[in-house]
Amino acid sequence: MTVSSQVKQTLAALKGAQGILRLYSAQSQDEKAISVYQEALFVTNDVIKNLEERLKTIEFEEPQYKGN
């Protein structure tokens, strides 16, 4: 498995985790829990942005991985 495909797989998993966090946040009645879910969403969003930038760099430096 290439680094590019591993990064893409990690991005997909993180986006799935974000969906779950959003669901839990919407269903929660506890303000503290909602706050924790929102903070986790903020952190995962930063990680996703960083990985997307890294993926762009990988695809630029190694064009054979683009779109795979």
Protein backbone atom coordinates (compact mmCIF):
# COMPACT_ATOMS: atom_id res chain seq x y z
CA MET A 1 0.00 0.00 0.00
CA THR A 2 1.43 3.36 -1.00
CA VAL A 3 1.75 6.35 1.29
CA SER A 4 -0.77 8.16 -0.87
CA SER A 5 -3.38 5.45 -0.44
CA GLN A 6 -2.71 5.28 3.30
CA VAL A 7 -3.25 9.02 3.63
CA LYS A 8 -6.47 8.76 1.62
CA GLN A 9 -7.66 5.87 3.78
CA THR A 10 -6.87 7.87 6.92
CA LEU A 11 -8.77 10.87 5.55
CA ALA A 12 -11.81 8.71 4.86
CA ALA A 13 -11.70 7.27 8.39
CA LEU A 14 -11.39 10.74 9.93
CA LYS A 15 -14.31 12.05 7.90
CA GLY A 16 -16.36 9.08 9.08
CA ALA A 17 -15.38 9.83 12.67
CA GLN A 18 -16.46 13.43 12.17
CA GLY A 19 -19.87 12.24 11.04
CA ILE A 20 -20.22 10.16 14.19
CA LEU A 21 -19.12 13.08 16.37
CA ARG A 22 -21.71 15.32 14.70
CA LEU A 23 -24.39 12.71 15.31
CA TYR A 24 -23.45 12.30 18.96
CA SER A 25 -23.34 16.05 19.42
CA ALA A 26 -26.80 16.47 17.92
CA GLN A 27 -28.26 13.67 20.04
CA SER A 28 -26.67 14.67 23.33
CA GLN A 29 -28.61 16.54 25.99
CA ASP A 30 -25.58 17.20 28.20
CA GLU A 31 -23.96 20.59 27.53
CA LYS A 32 -20.54 19.36 28.67
CA ALA A 33 -20.71 16.38 26.30
CA ILE A 34 -21.78 18.65 23.43
CA SER A 35 -18.81 20.89 24.18
CA VAL A 36 -16.44 17.91 24.13
CA TYR A 37 -17.88 16.69 20.80
CA GLN A 38 -17.56 20.17 19.30
CA GLU A 39 -13.93 20.41 20.43
CA ALA A 40 -13.21 16.97 18.95
CA LEU A 41 -14.80 18.13 15.67
CA PHE A 42 -12.58 21.20 15.67
CA VAL A 43 -9.45 19.12 16.23
CA THR A 44 -10.34 16.49 13.62
CA ASN A 45 -11.12 19.25 11.14
CA ASP A 46 -7.61 20.66 11.62
CA VAL A 47 -6.08 17.22 11.16
CA ILE A 48 -8.13 16.66 7.99
CA LYS A 49 -7.02 19.99 6.54
CA ASN A 50 -3.38 19.17 7.29
CA LEU A 51 -3.65 15.72 5.72
CA GLU A 52 -5.37 17.12 2.64
CA GLU A 53 -2.50 19.58 2.20
CA ARG A 54 -0.02 16.75 2.65
CA LEU A 55 -1.88 14.67 0.07
CA LYS A 56 -1.66 17.55 -2.42
CA THR A 57 2.09 17.69 -1.82
CA ILE A 58 2.45 13.93 -2.30
CA GLU A 59 0.47 14.03 -5.53
CA PHE A 60 2.48 17.00 -6.79
CA GLU A 61 5.82 15.39 -5.99
CA GLU A 62 4.76 11.93 -7.18
CA PRO A 63 2.22 12.43 -10.03
CA GLN A 64 1.78 8.68 -10.51
CA TYR A 65 -0.20 8.60 -7.24
CA LYS A 66 -2.68 11.28 -8.30
CA GLY A 67 -6.21 9.93 -8.42
CA ASN A 68 -5.29 6.51 -7.04
